[in-house]
Amino acid sequence: MDTHRTRTASRRGPLAAVAMALAPLLGTAALAACGADGGGGTASSASVRPSAPATASFTGSAPSALRSLAESAKASVSAAASSASARASEFEASVSAEAARAGAAAEKELKDVDGRGDAPADVSLTGKPRAQTGGLLAVVVNITNRSGDTASYAVRVDFRDPDGKVVETRYVGAEDLAPGERAQPLAVSRKPPEPQPTAEIAQAQRY
């Protein structure tokens, strides 16, 4: 009898070892099946419940972000002002080379002219959008030779403040215009845009 039991136990030894090795896997599978069947297994539902966020980890980054936005806005305003100033300088440079020479010639020609001159009817002014002048006040001086001969023109443009006082004067000119030909030099004010001055033709002389 003892020999029979010993043989039976020896035959069952490998099976018992396999069963012991598979026990953890079988237990995990059973838990998963229980959760899938909705059998009320609390262990399964607890294993997938998301953890609550740790509110203590928030360190107040929002105020820092607001400060960064404010600093960026200030930098943008400063950059825009610098850009506008640069555009104004570029605009002046683009018209000043020839305008300076023609203006000097016109001023010299008008030096001995009395009154408004003999050609105000040949000259008119047109405003130029400030978006194109970098914010400067500029007027187009439209000069048309209405005579029957080739002629040159000298024009004085006065800028007046709201009280009517002359605050700035510019001289422009056009040379050797054929009959009916038109020139459009610019008169540019370098005064601040506010209070906004107005431009008028003070003198115009044909020569």
N, C-alpha and C. Protein backbone atom coordinates (compact mmCIF):
# COMPACT_ATOMS: atom_id res chain seq x y z
N MET A 1 0.82 -1.20 0.00
CA MET A 1 0.00 0.00 0.00
C MET A 1 0.86 1.25 0.00
N ASP A 2 1.89 1.30 0.81
CA ASP A 2 2.75 2.48 0.88
C ASP A 2 3.48 2.68 -0.43
N THR A 3 3.84 1.57 -1.05
CA THR A 3 4.53 1.70 -2.35
C THR A 3 3.61 2.27 -3.39
N HIS A 4 2.32 1.92 -3.39
CA HIS A 4 1.33 2.44 -4.34
C HIS A 4 1.14 3.94 -4.16
N ARG A 5 1.05 4.38 -2.89
CA ARG A 5 0.88 5.82 -2.63
C ARG A 5 2.09 6.62 -3.08
N THR A 6 3.24 6.03 -2.84
CA THR A 6 4.47 6.73 -3.24
C THR A 6 4.51 6.91 -4.74
N ARG A 7 4.12 5.87 -5.50
CA ARG A 7 4.11 5.97 -6.96
C ARG A 7 3.08 6.99 -7.43
N THR A 8 1.90 7.00 -6.78
CA THR A 8 0.85 7.95 -7.17
C THR A 8 1.30 9.38 -6.95
N ALA A 9 1.95 9.60 -5.80
CA ALA A 9 2.44 10.96 -5.49
C ALA A 9 3.50 11.39 -6.45
N SER A 10 4.38 10.40 -6.82
CA SER A 10 5.47 10.78 -7.76
C SER A 10 4.91 11.11 -9.11
N ARG A 11 3.79 10.41 -9.52
CA ARG A 11 3.20 10.74 -10.81
C ARG A 11 2.51 12.10 -10.76
N ARG A 12 1.93 12.47 -9.63
CA ARG A 12 1.22 13.75 -9.52
C ARG A 12 2.18 14.94 -9.31
N GLY A 13 3.40 14.67 -9.00
CA GLY A 13 4.35 15.77 -8.71
C GLY A 13 4.49 16.76 -9.85
N PRO A 14 4.75 16.35 -11.07
CA PRO A 14 4.85 17.32 -12.18
C PRO A 14 3.57 18.07 -12.42
N LEU A 15 2.39 17.41 -12.30
CA LEU A 15 1.12 18.11 -12.51
C LEU A 15 0.91 19.18 -11.46
N ALA A 16 1.28 18.89 -10.25
CA ALA A 16 1.12 19.88 -9.17
C ALA A 16 2.01 21.08 -9.42
N ALA A 17 3.21 20.82 -9.91
CA ALA A 17 4.14 21.94 -10.19
C ALA A 17 3.59 22.85 -11.29
N VAL A 18 3.01 22.22 -12.34
CA VAL A 18 2.42 23.01 -13.43
C VAL A 18 1.25 23.82 -12.93
N ALA A 19 0.41 23.23 -12.10
CA ALA A 19 -0.75 23.93 -11.55
C ALA A 19 -0.32 25.12 -10.72
N MET A 20 0.73 24.94 -9.93
CA MET A 20 1.22 26.06 -9.11
C MET A 20 1.75 27.19 -9.97
N ALA A 21 2.40 26.83 -11.08
CA ALA A 21 2.95 27.86 -11.97
C ALA A 21 1.86 28.64 -12.68
N LEU A 22 0.74 27.97 -13.01
CA LEU A 22 -0.35 28.61 -13.74
C LEU A 22 -1.31 29.35 -12.84
N ALA A 23 -1.23 29.16 -11.56
CA ALA A 23 -2.20 29.76 -10.64
C ALA A 23 -2.25 31.27 -10.73
N PRO A 24 -1.12 31.98 -10.73
CA PRO A 24 -1.22 33.46 -10.85
C PRO A 24 -1.88 33.92 -12.14
N LEU A 25 -1.54 33.27 -13.26
CA LEU A 25 -2.13 33.64 -14.55
C LEU A 25 -3.62 33.40 -14.55
N LEU A 26 -4.05 32.26 -14.00
CA LEU A 26 -5.46 31.94 -13.97
C LEU A 26 -6.22 32.92 -13.09
N GLY A 27 -5.59 33.35 -12.00
CA GLY A 27 -6.24 34.31 -11.12
C GLY A 27 -6.43 35.65 -11.78
N THR A 28 -5.41 36.14 -12.54
CA THR A 28 -5.52 37.41 -13.28
C THR A 28 -6.61 37.34 -14.32
N ALA A 29 -6.67 36.22 -15.06
CA ALA A 29 -7.70 36.04 -16.08
C ALA A 29 -9.08 36.06 -15.46
N ALA A 30 -9.20 35.48 -14.30
CA ALA A 30 -10.50 35.45 -13.64
C ALA A 30 -10.95 36.84 -13.25
N LEU A 31 -10.02 37.65 -12.74
CA LEU A 31 -10.36 39.03 -12.38
C LEU A 31 -10.80 39.82 -13.60
N ALA A 32 -10.07 39.67 -14.71
CA ALA A 32 -10.42 40.38 -15.94
C ALA A 32 -11.79 39.97 -16.43
N ALA A 33 -12.08 38.67 -16.38
CA ALA A 33 -13.38 38.19 -16.84
C ALA A 33 -14.47 38.71 -15.95
N CYS A 34 -14.18 38.80 -14.68
CA CYS A 34 -15.20 39.30 -13.75
C CYS A 34 -15.53 40.74 -14.04
N GLY A 35 -14.51 41.54 -14.31
CA GLY A 35 -14.75 42.94 -14.64
C GLY A 35 -15.50 43.08 -15.94
N ALA A 36 -15.19 42.28 -16.93
CA ALA A 36 -15.85 42.37 -18.23
C ALA A 36 -17.29 41.95 -18.16
N ASP A 37 -17.64 40.98 -17.25
CA ASP A 37 -19.01 40.49 -17.15
C ASP A 37 -19.87 41.42 -16.34
N GLY A 38 -19.26 42.51 -15.71
CA GLY A 38 -20.08 43.41 -14.90
C GLY A 38 -20.60 42.75 -13.67
N GLY A 39 -19.83 41.80 -13.13
CA GLY A 39 -20.29 41.05 -11.97
C GLY A 39 -20.10 41.78 -10.69
N GLY A 40 -19.79 43.09 -10.72
CA GLY A 40 -19.66 43.83 -9.48
C GLY A 40 -18.34 43.65 -8.82
N GLY A 41 -17.33 43.20 -9.55
CA GLY A 41 -16.01 43.02 -8.97
C GLY A 41 -15.39 44.36 -8.67
N THR A 42 -15.27 44.71 -7.42
CA THR A 42 -14.76 46.04 -7.04
C THR A 42 -13.29 46.17 -7.33
N ALA A 43 -12.54 45.08 -7.28
CA ALA A 43 -11.10 45.16 -7.53
C ALA A 43 -10.84 45.62 -8.95
N SER A 44 -11.63 45.11 -9.91
CA SER A 44 -11.42 45.47 -11.32
C SER A 44 -11.72 46.93 -11.55
N SER A 45 -12.85 47.43 -11.02
CA SER A 45 -13.22 48.82 -11.25
C SER A 45 -12.24 49.76 -10.57
N ALA A 46 -11.70 49.38 -9.44
CA ALA A 46 -10.75 50.23 -8.74
C ALA A 46 -9.46 50.34 -9.51
N SER A 47 -9.12 49.27 -10.27
CA SER A 47 -7.84 49.29 -10.96
C SER A 47 -7.82 50.26 -12.14
N VAL A 48 -8.98 50.71 -12.64
CA VAL A 48 -9.00 51.59 -13.81
C VAL A 48 -9.50 52.98 -13.45
N ARG A 49 -9.79 53.24 -12.16
CA ARG A 49 -10.29 54.56 -11.76
C ARG A 49 -9.17 55.57 -11.85
N PRO A 50 -9.36 56.70 -12.64
CA PRO A 50 -8.28 57.69 -12.76
C PRO A 50 -8.05 58.39 -11.44
N SER A 51 -6.80 58.68 -11.19
CA SER A 51 -6.46 59.37 -9.95
C SER A 51 -6.78 60.85 -10.06
N ALA A 52 -7.17 61.48 -8.98
CA ALA A 52 -7.49 62.91 -8.97
C ALA A 52 -6.22 63.72 -9.15
N PRO A 53 -6.30 64.86 -9.85
CA PRO A 53 -5.09 65.67 -10.05
C PRO A 53 -4.62 66.25 -8.74
N ALA A 54 -3.32 66.37 -8.65
CA ALA A 54 -2.73 66.93 -7.43
C ALA A 54 -2.72 68.44 -7.56
N THR A 55 -3.69 69.09 -6.89
CA THR A 55 -3.81 70.55 -7.03
C THR A 55 -2.63 71.27 -6.43
N ALA A 56 -1.92 70.65 -5.53
CA ALA A 56 -0.78 71.32 -4.92
C ALA A 56 0.36 71.54 -5.90
N SER A 57 0.31 70.84 -7.05
CA SER A 57 1.39 70.98 -8.02
C SER A 57 1.27 72.22 -8.87
N PHE A 58 0.08 72.91 -8.87
CA PHE A 58 -0.07 74.14 -9.64
C PHE A 58 0.70 75.25 -8.94
N THR A 59 1.53 75.96 -9.71
CA THR A 59 2.45 76.94 -9.10
C THR A 59 2.17 78.35 -9.53
N GLY A 60 0.98 78.66 -10.07
CA GLY A 60 0.66 80.04 -10.41
C GLY A 60 1.35 80.53 -11.67
N SER A 61 1.37 79.72 -12.72
CA SER A 61 2.02 80.13 -13.96
C SER A 61 1.20 81.14 -14.74
N ALA A 62 -0.11 81.25 -14.49
CA ALA A 62 -0.95 82.19 -15.23
C ALA A 62 -0.50 83.63 -15.08
N PRO A 63 -0.23 84.12 -13.83
CA PRO A 63 0.27 85.50 -13.71
C PRO A 63 1.55 85.73 -14.50
N SER A 64 2.44 84.74 -14.48
CA SER A 64 3.68 84.88 -15.26
C SER A 64 3.37 85.02 -16.74
N ALA A 65 2.41 84.25 -17.22
CA ALA A 65 2.03 84.33 -18.63
C ALA A 65 1.45 85.70 -18.95
N LEU A 66 0.64 86.25 -18.03
CA LEU A 66 0.07 87.59 -18.26
C LEU A 66 1.16 88.64 -18.30
N ARG A 67 2.15 88.51 -17.42
CA ARG A 67 3.26 89.47 -17.45
C ARG A 67 4.01 89.37 -18.77
N SER A 68 4.19 88.16 -19.26
CA SER A 68 4.88 87.98 -20.53
C SER A 68 4.10 88.62 -21.67
N LEU A 69 2.76 88.47 -21.64
CA LEU A 69 1.93 89.09 -22.68
C LEU A 69 2.02 90.60 -22.62
N ALA A 70 2.02 91.17 -21.41
CA ALA A 70 2.12 92.63 -21.26
C ALA A 70 3.45 93.13 -21.79
N GLU A 71 4.52 92.41 -21.47
CA GLU A 71 5.84 92.81 -21.96
C GLU A 71 5.91 92.71 -23.48
N SER A 72 5.29 91.67 -24.03
CA SER A 72 5.28 91.52 -25.49
C SER A 72 4.50 92.65 -26.15
N ALA A 73 3.38 93.07 -25.51
CA ALA A 73 2.58 94.17 -26.06
C ALA A 73 3.38 95.46 -26.06
N LYS A 74 4.10 95.74 -24.95
CA LYS A 74 4.92 96.95 -24.89
C LYS A 74 6.01 96.91 -25.96
N ALA A 75 6.63 95.76 -26.14
CA ALA A 75 7.66 95.63 -27.16
C ALA A 75 7.09 95.86 -28.54
N SER A 76 5.86 95.38 -28.78
CA SER A 76 5.23 95.56 -30.09
C SER A 76 4.94 97.04 -30.36
N VAL A 77 4.46 97.76 -29.31
CA VAL A 77 4.18 99.19 -29.47
C VAL A 77 5.46 99.95 -29.78
N SER A 78 6.53 99.61 -29.04
CA SER A 78 7.81 100.28 -29.27
C SER A 78 8.33 100.00 -30.66
N ALA A 79 8.20 98.74 -31.09
CA ALA A 79 8.67 98.38 -32.43
C ALA A 79 7.85 99.09 -33.50
N ALA A 80 6.53 99.24 -33.27
CA ALA A 80 5.69 99.94 -34.24
C ALA A 80 6.08 101.40 -34.35
N ALA A 81 6.37 102.04 -33.19
CA ALA A 81 6.78 103.45 -33.21
C ALA A 81 8.10 103.60 -33.95
N SER A 82 9.05 102.69 -33.69
CA SER A 82 10.34 102.76 -34.38
C SER A 82 10.16 102.55 -35.87
N SER A 83 9.27 101.62 -36.22
CA SER A 83 9.01 101.35 -37.64
C SER A 83 8.41 102.56 -38.33
N ALA A 84 7.46 103.25 -37.65
CA ALA A 84 6.83 104.43 -38.24
C ALA A 84 7.86 105.53 -38.44
N SER A 85 8.75 105.71 -37.45
CA SER A 85 9.81 106.72 -37.58
C SER A 85 10.74 106.39 -38.73
N ALA A 86 11.05 105.10 -38.87
CA ALA A 86 11.92 104.69 -39.98
C ALA A 86 11.26 104.94 -41.32
N ARG A 87 9.94 104.65 -41.41
CA ARG A 87 9.23 104.88 -42.67
C ARG A 87 9.19 106.37 -43.02
N ALA A 88 9.01 107.21 -41.99
CA ALA A 88 9.00 108.65 -42.23
C ALA A 88 10.35 109.12 -42.76
N SER A 89 11.43 108.60 -42.15
CA SER A 89 12.77 108.98 -42.60
C SER A 89 13.02 108.51 -44.03
N GLU A 90 12.58 107.30 -44.33
CA GLU A 90 12.76 106.77 -45.69
C GLU A 90 11.99 107.61 -46.70
N PHE A 91 10.77 108.03 -46.32
CA PHE A 91 9.96 108.83 -47.24
C PHE A 91 10.64 110.17 -47.50
N GLU A 92 11.12 110.82 -46.44
CA GLU A 92 11.81 112.10 -46.62
C GLU A 92 13.04 111.95 -47.50
N ALA A 93 13.80 110.88 -47.25
CA ALA A 93 15.02 110.68 -48.04
C ALA A 93 14.69 110.46 -49.51
N SER A 94 13.57 109.79 -49.79
CA SER A 94 13.22 109.49 -51.17
C SER A 94 12.86 110.74 -51.97
N VAL A 95 12.40 111.79 -51.29
CA VAL A 95 11.97 112.99 -52.02
C VAL A 95 12.91 114.18 -51.82
N SER A 96 13.87 114.04 -50.91
CA SER A 96 14.64 115.22 -50.53
C SER A 96 15.77 115.56 -51.50
N ALA A 97 16.34 114.58 -52.18
CA ALA A 97 17.51 114.85 -53.02
C ALA A 97 17.21 115.86 -54.11
N GLU A 98 16.27 115.55 -54.98
CA GLU A 98 15.89 116.46 -56.06
C GLU A 98 15.10 117.64 -55.53
N ALA A 99 14.28 117.39 -54.50
CA ALA A 99 13.46 118.46 -53.94
C ALA A 99 14.31 119.55 -53.33
N ALA A 100 15.43 119.18 -52.71
CA ALA A 100 16.30 120.18 -52.10
C ALA A 100 16.87 121.12 -53.15
N ARG A 101 17.32 120.56 -54.25
CA ARG A 101 17.89 121.41 -55.31
C ARG A 101 16.83 122.30 -55.93
N ALA A 102 15.66 121.69 -56.27
CA ALA A 102 14.59 122.47 -56.88
C ALA A 102 14.04 123.51 -55.90
N GLY A 103 13.99 123.14 -54.61
CA GLY A 103 13.50 124.08 -53.61
C GLY A 103 14.41 125.27 -53.45
N ALA A 104 15.72 125.03 -53.49
CA ALA A 104 16.68 126.13 -53.38
C ALA A 104 16.55 127.08 -54.57
N ALA A 105 16.36 126.51 -55.76
CA ALA A 105 16.20 127.33 -56.96
C ALA A 105 14.91 128.15 -56.88
N ALA A 106 13.84 127.52 -56.38
CA ALA A 106 12.56 128.22 -56.27
C ALA A 106 12.64 129.35 -55.25
N GLU A 107 13.29 129.09 -54.13
CA GLU A 107 13.41 130.13 -53.10
C GLU A 107 14.20 131.33 -53.64
N LYS A 108 15.24 131.04 -54.37
CA LYS A 108 16.04 132.12 -54.96
C LYS A 108 15.21 132.93 -55.95
N GLU A 109 14.40 132.24 -56.76
CA GLU A 109 13.59 132.92 -57.77
C GLU A 109 12.50 133.80 -57.12
N LEU A 110 11.97 133.36 -56.01
CA LEU A 110 10.88 134.09 -55.36
C LEU A 110 11.38 135.21 -54.43
N LYS A 111 12.65 135.31 -54.28
CA LYS A 111 13.20 136.28 -53.33
C LYS A 111 12.77 137.70 -53.63
N ASP A 112 12.70 138.06 -54.88
CA ASP A 112 12.35 139.43 -55.26
C ASP A 112 10.94 139.56 -55.82
N VAL A 113 10.10 138.53 -55.62
CA VAL A 113 8.74 138.57 -56.14
C VAL A 113 7.83 139.22 -55.11
N ASP A 114 7.05 140.19 -55.55
CA ASP A 114 6.08 140.83 -54.66
C ASP A 114 4.72 140.14 -54.76
N GLY A 115 4.03 140.08 -53.64
CA GLY A 115 2.70 139.49 -53.65
C GLY A 115 2.74 137.99 -53.90
N ARG A 116 1.72 137.48 -54.54
CA ARG A 116 1.58 136.05 -54.73
C ARG A 116 2.23 135.55 -56.02
N GLY A 117 2.77 136.44 -56.84
CA GLY A 117 3.38 136.03 -58.08
C GLY A 117 2.39 136.02 -59.22
N ASP A 118 2.86 135.58 -60.40
CA ASP A 118 2.02 135.65 -61.60
C ASP A 118 1.41 134.32 -62.02
N ALA A 119 1.59 133.26 -61.21
CA ALA A 119 1.09 131.94 -61.66
C ALA A 119 0.32 131.15 -60.62
N PRO A 120 -0.37 131.76 -59.65
CA PRO A 120 -1.15 130.94 -58.71
C PRO A 120 -2.22 130.10 -59.41
N ALA A 121 -2.73 130.59 -60.55
CA ALA A 121 -3.79 129.83 -61.24
C ALA A 121 -3.26 128.54 -61.85
N ASP A 122 -1.94 128.43 -62.00
CA ASP A 122 -1.35 127.22 -62.59
C ASP A 122 -0.99 126.17 -61.53
N VAL A 123 -1.28 126.47 -60.28
CA VAL A 123 -0.84 125.59 -59.18
C VAL A 123 -2.02 125.24 -58.27
N SER A 124 -2.06 124.00 -57.84
CA SER A 124 -3.05 123.54 -56.85
C SER A 124 -2.39 122.52 -55.93
N LEU A 125 -3.04 122.26 -54.80
CA LEU A 125 -2.51 121.32 -53.81
C LEU A 125 -3.45 120.13 -53.65
N THR A 126 -2.86 118.97 -53.45
CA THR A 126 -3.61 117.74 -53.16
C THR A 126 -2.97 117.04 -51.98
N GLY A 127 -3.77 116.66 -50.99
CA GLY A 127 -3.23 115.96 -49.83
C GLY A 127 -2.75 114.56 -50.18
N LYS A 128 -1.72 114.10 -49.48
CA LYS A 128 -1.19 112.76 -49.68
C LYS A 128 -1.47 111.94 -48.42
N PRO A 129 -2.00 110.71 -48.55
CA PRO A 129 -2.32 109.89 -47.38
C PRO A 129 -1.11 109.69 -46.47
N ARG A 130 -1.32 109.87 -45.18
CA ARG A 130 -0.22 109.72 -44.23
C ARG A 130 0.29 108.28 -44.19
N ALA A 131 -0.53 107.33 -44.58
CA ALA A 131 -0.08 105.93 -44.61
C ALA A 131 1.06 105.75 -45.61
N GLN A 132 1.16 106.66 -46.57
CA GLN A 132 2.22 106.58 -47.58
C GLN A 132 3.42 107.45 -47.23
N THR A 133 3.32 108.25 -46.16
CA THR A 133 4.38 109.20 -45.83
C THR A 133 5.01 108.94 -44.47
N GLY A 134 4.70 107.79 -43.86
CA GLY A 134 5.23 107.50 -42.54
C GLY A 134 4.65 108.40 -41.47
N GLY A 135 3.45 108.96 -41.70
CA GLY A 135 2.79 109.81 -40.73
C GLY A 135 3.06 111.29 -40.91
N LEU A 136 3.93 111.65 -41.84
CA LEU A 136 4.23 113.07 -42.08
C LEU A 136 3.12 113.72 -42.90
N LEU A 137 2.97 115.04 -42.70
CA LEU A 137 2.02 115.79 -43.53
C LEU A 137 2.73 116.18 -44.82
N ALA A 138 2.19 115.73 -45.94
CA ALA A 138 2.78 116.05 -47.24
C ALA A 138 1.66 116.40 -48.21
N VAL A 139 1.93 117.37 -49.06
CA VAL A 139 0.96 117.75 -50.08
C VAL A 139 1.62 117.68 -51.45
N VAL A 140 0.84 117.24 -52.41
CA VAL A 140 1.30 117.22 -53.79
C VAL A 140 1.03 118.60 -54.39
N VAL A 141 2.08 119.22 -54.93
CA VAL A 141 1.95 120.53 -55.56
C VAL A 141 1.78 120.28 -57.06
N ASN A 142 0.55 120.45 -57.53
CA ASN A 142 0.24 120.21 -58.94
C ASN A 142 0.54 121.48 -59.75
N ILE A 143 1.55 121.40 -60.59
CA ILE A 143 1.96 122.55 -61.41
C ILE A 143 1.69 122.21 -62.87
N THR A 144 0.88 123.00 -63.52
CA THR A 144 0.55 122.79 -64.93
C THR A 144 0.90 124.05 -65.72
N ASN A 145 1.71 123.89 -66.74
CA ASN A 145 2.08 125.03 -67.57
C ASN A 145 0.92 125.37 -68.50
N ARG A 146 0.20 126.42 -68.16
CA ARG A 146 -0.95 126.83 -68.96
C ARG A 146 -0.60 127.90 -69.99
N SER A 147 0.67 128.21 -70.06
CA SER A 147 1.08 129.21 -71.06
C SER A 147 1.37 128.52 -72.39
N GLY A 148 1.69 129.31 -73.39
CA GLY A 148 1.99 128.74 -74.71
C GLY A 148 3.46 128.49 -74.94
N ASP A 149 4.29 128.72 -73.93
CA ASP A 149 5.74 128.56 -74.07
C ASP A 149 6.28 127.64 -72.97
N THR A 150 7.46 127.10 -73.23
CA THR A 150 8.14 126.32 -72.19
C THR A 150 8.46 127.26 -71.02
N ALA A 151 8.20 126.79 -69.80
CA ALA A 151 8.40 127.65 -68.64
C ALA A 151 8.80 126.82 -67.42
N SER A 152 9.45 127.53 -66.47
CA SER A 152 9.79 126.94 -65.17
C SER A 152 8.94 127.62 -64.11
N TYR A 153 8.77 126.92 -62.97
CA TYR A 153 7.90 127.44 -61.92
C TYR A 153 8.60 127.37 -60.56
N ALA A 154 8.31 128.39 -59.76
CA ALA A 154 8.76 128.42 -58.36
C ALA A 154 7.53 128.62 -57.49
N VAL A 155 7.40 127.77 -56.46
CA VAL A 155 6.20 127.80 -55.61
C VAL A 155 6.61 127.80 -54.14
N ARG A 156 5.96 128.66 -53.39
CA ARG A 156 6.14 128.68 -51.94
C ARG A 156 4.86 128.16 -51.29
N VAL A 157 5.02 127.17 -50.39
CA VAL A 157 3.88 126.58 -49.67
C VAL A 157 4.05 126.91 -48.19
N ASP A 158 3.04 127.54 -47.61
CA ASP A 158 3.04 127.83 -46.17
C ASP A 158 2.16 126.83 -45.43
N PHE A 159 2.64 126.39 -44.27
CA PHE A 159 1.84 125.54 -43.38
C PHE A 159 1.42 126.39 -42.19
N ARG A 160 0.12 126.44 -41.92
CA ARG A 160 -0.42 127.26 -40.84
C ARG A 160 -1.04 126.38 -39.75
N ASP A 161 -0.92 126.85 -38.51
CA ASP A 161 -1.54 126.14 -37.39
C ASP A 161 -3.02 126.50 -37.32
N PRO A 162 -3.78 125.89 -36.41
CA PRO A 162 -5.22 126.18 -36.34
C PRO A 162 -5.55 127.65 -36.08
N ASP A 163 -4.59 128.42 -35.54
CA ASP A 163 -4.82 129.85 -35.30
C ASP A 163 -4.48 130.71 -36.52
N GLY A 164 -4.01 130.07 -37.60
CA GLY A 164 -3.68 130.81 -38.80
C GLY A 164 -2.25 131.30 -38.87
N LYS A 165 -1.46 130.97 -37.88
CA LYS A 165 -0.06 131.40 -37.87
C LYS A 165 0.79 130.48 -38.74
N VAL A 166 1.67 131.09 -39.55
CA VAL A 166 2.58 130.30 -40.39
C VAL A 166 3.64 129.66 -39.49
N VAL A 167 3.69 128.33 -39.49
CA VAL A 167 4.64 127.61 -38.65
C VAL A 167 5.76 126.97 -39.46
N GLU A 168 5.60 126.94 -40.77
CA GLU A 168 6.62 126.31 -41.61
C GLU A 168 6.40 126.72 -43.06
N THR A 169 7.49 126.84 -43.80
CA THR A 169 7.42 127.20 -45.22
C THR A 169 8.29 126.24 -46.02
N ARG A 170 7.77 125.82 -47.14
CA ARG A 170 8.52 124.93 -48.05
C ARG A 170 8.49 125.53 -49.45
N TYR A 171 9.60 125.36 -50.17
CA TYR A 171 9.72 125.83 -51.55
C TYR A 171 9.87 124.62 -52.47
N VAL A 172 9.11 124.61 -53.54
CA VAL A 172 9.22 123.55 -54.55
C VAL A 172 9.25 124.20 -55.92
N GLY A 173 9.69 123.43 -56.90
CA GLY A 173 9.75 123.99 -58.24
C GLY A 173 9.68 122.94 -59.31
N ALA A 174 9.51 123.39 -60.53
CA ALA A 174 9.51 122.53 -61.72
C ALA A 174 10.18 123.31 -62.84
N GLU A 175 11.02 122.65 -63.58
CA GLU A 175 11.81 123.34 -64.61
C GLU A 175 11.47 122.83 -66.00
N ASP A 176 11.46 123.79 -66.91
CA ASP A 176 11.34 123.50 -68.35
C ASP A 176 10.12 122.64 -68.69
N LEU A 177 8.97 123.07 -68.22
CA LEU A 177 7.74 122.38 -68.57
C LEU A 177 7.24 122.87 -69.93
N ALA A 178 6.93 121.94 -70.81
CA ALA A 178 6.37 122.30 -72.12
C ALA A 178 4.93 122.77 -71.92
N PRO A 179 4.36 123.48 -72.88
CA PRO A 179 2.97 123.92 -72.76
C PRO A 179 2.03 122.73 -72.48
N GLY A 180 1.22 122.87 -71.46
CA GLY A 180 0.30 121.80 -71.07
C GLY A 180 0.93 120.71 -70.21
N GLU A 181 2.26 120.73 -70.04
CA GLU A 181 2.92 119.68 -69.25
C GLU A 181 2.69 119.93 -67.75
N ARG A 182 2.68 118.82 -67.02
CA ARG A 182 2.38 118.90 -65.59
C ARG A 182 3.50 118.29 -64.75
N ALA A 183 3.79 118.90 -63.61
CA ALA A 183 4.75 118.36 -62.64
C ALA A 183 4.06 118.29 -61.28
N GLN A 184 4.51 117.34 -60.44
CA GLN A 184 3.87 117.15 -59.13
C GLN A 184 4.91 116.95 -58.02
N PRO A 185 5.67 117.98 -57.71
CA PRO A 185 6.60 117.86 -56.57
C PRO A 185 5.84 117.81 -55.26
N LEU A 186 6.53 117.39 -54.22
CA LEU A 186 5.93 117.28 -52.89
C LEU A 186 6.46 118.36 -51.96
N ALA A 187 5.56 118.89 -51.13
CA ALA A 187 5.96 119.78 -50.05
C ALA A 187 5.67 119.03 -48.76
N VAL A 188 6.72 118.77 -47.97
CA VAL A 188 6.61 117.93 -46.78
C VAL A 188 6.86 118.75 -45.53
N SER A 189 5.91 118.69 -44.60
CA SER A 189 6.07 119.38 -43.32
C SER A 189 6.80 118.46 -42.34
N ARG A 190 7.71 119.04 -41.57
CA ARG A 190 8.42 118.28 -40.54
C ARG A 190 7.92 118.60 -39.14
N LYS A 191 6.84 119.34 -39.08
CA LYS A 191 6.24 119.65 -37.79
C LYS A 191 5.46 118.45 -37.26
N PRO A 192 5.26 118.36 -35.93
CA PRO A 192 4.45 117.26 -35.38
C PRO A 192 3.05 117.27 -36.00
N PRO A 193 2.46 116.07 -36.16
CA PRO A 193 1.14 115.99 -36.80
C PRO A 193 0.01 116.63 -36.01
N GLU A 194 0.21 116.85 -34.73
CA GLU A 194 -0.81 117.48 -33.89
C GLU A 194 -0.23 118.70 -33.19
N PRO A 195 -0.93 119.85 -33.20
CA PRO A 195 -2.18 120.09 -33.93
C PRO A 195 -1.93 120.12 -35.43
N GLN A 196 -2.85 119.58 -36.18
CA GLN A 196 -2.65 119.40 -37.61
C GLN A 196 -2.63 120.75 -38.34
N PRO A 197 -1.52 121.04 -39.04
CA PRO A 197 -1.47 122.29 -39.80
C PRO A 197 -2.20 122.14 -41.14
N THR A 198 -2.44 123.25 -41.79
CA THR A 198 -3.02 123.25 -43.13
C THR A 198 -2.02 123.90 -44.08
N ALA A 199 -2.07 123.47 -45.34
CA ALA A 199 -1.14 123.99 -46.34
C ALA A 199 -1.86 124.93 -47.31
N GLU A 200 -1.13 125.94 -47.77
CA GLU A 200 -1.70 126.85 -48.75
C GLU A 200 -0.60 127.34 -49.69
N ILE A 201 -1.00 127.73 -50.89
CA ILE A 201 -0.06 128.30 -51.85
C ILE A 201 0.14 129.77 -51.50
N ALA A 202 1.33 130.13 -51.08
CA ALA A 202 1.62 131.52 -50.71
C ALA A 202 2.09 132.32 -51.92
N GLN A 203 2.91 131.70 -52.75
CA GLN A 203 3.42 132.36 -53.96
C GLN A 203 3.62 131.32 -55.07
N ALA A 204 3.43 131.76 -56.30
CA ALA A 204 3.71 130.91 -57.46
C ALA A 204 4.15 131.83 -58.60
N GLN A 205 5.34 131.57 -59.11
CA GLN A 205 5.91 132.43 -60.15
C GLN A 205 6.37 131.60 -61.34
N ARG A 206 6.01 132.08 -62.55
CA ARG A 206 6.49 131.45 -63.77
C ARG A 206 7.71 132.24 -64.25
N TYR A 207 8.73 131.53 -64.72
CA TYR A 207 9.92 132.23 -65.22
C TYR A 207 10.57 131.46 -66.36
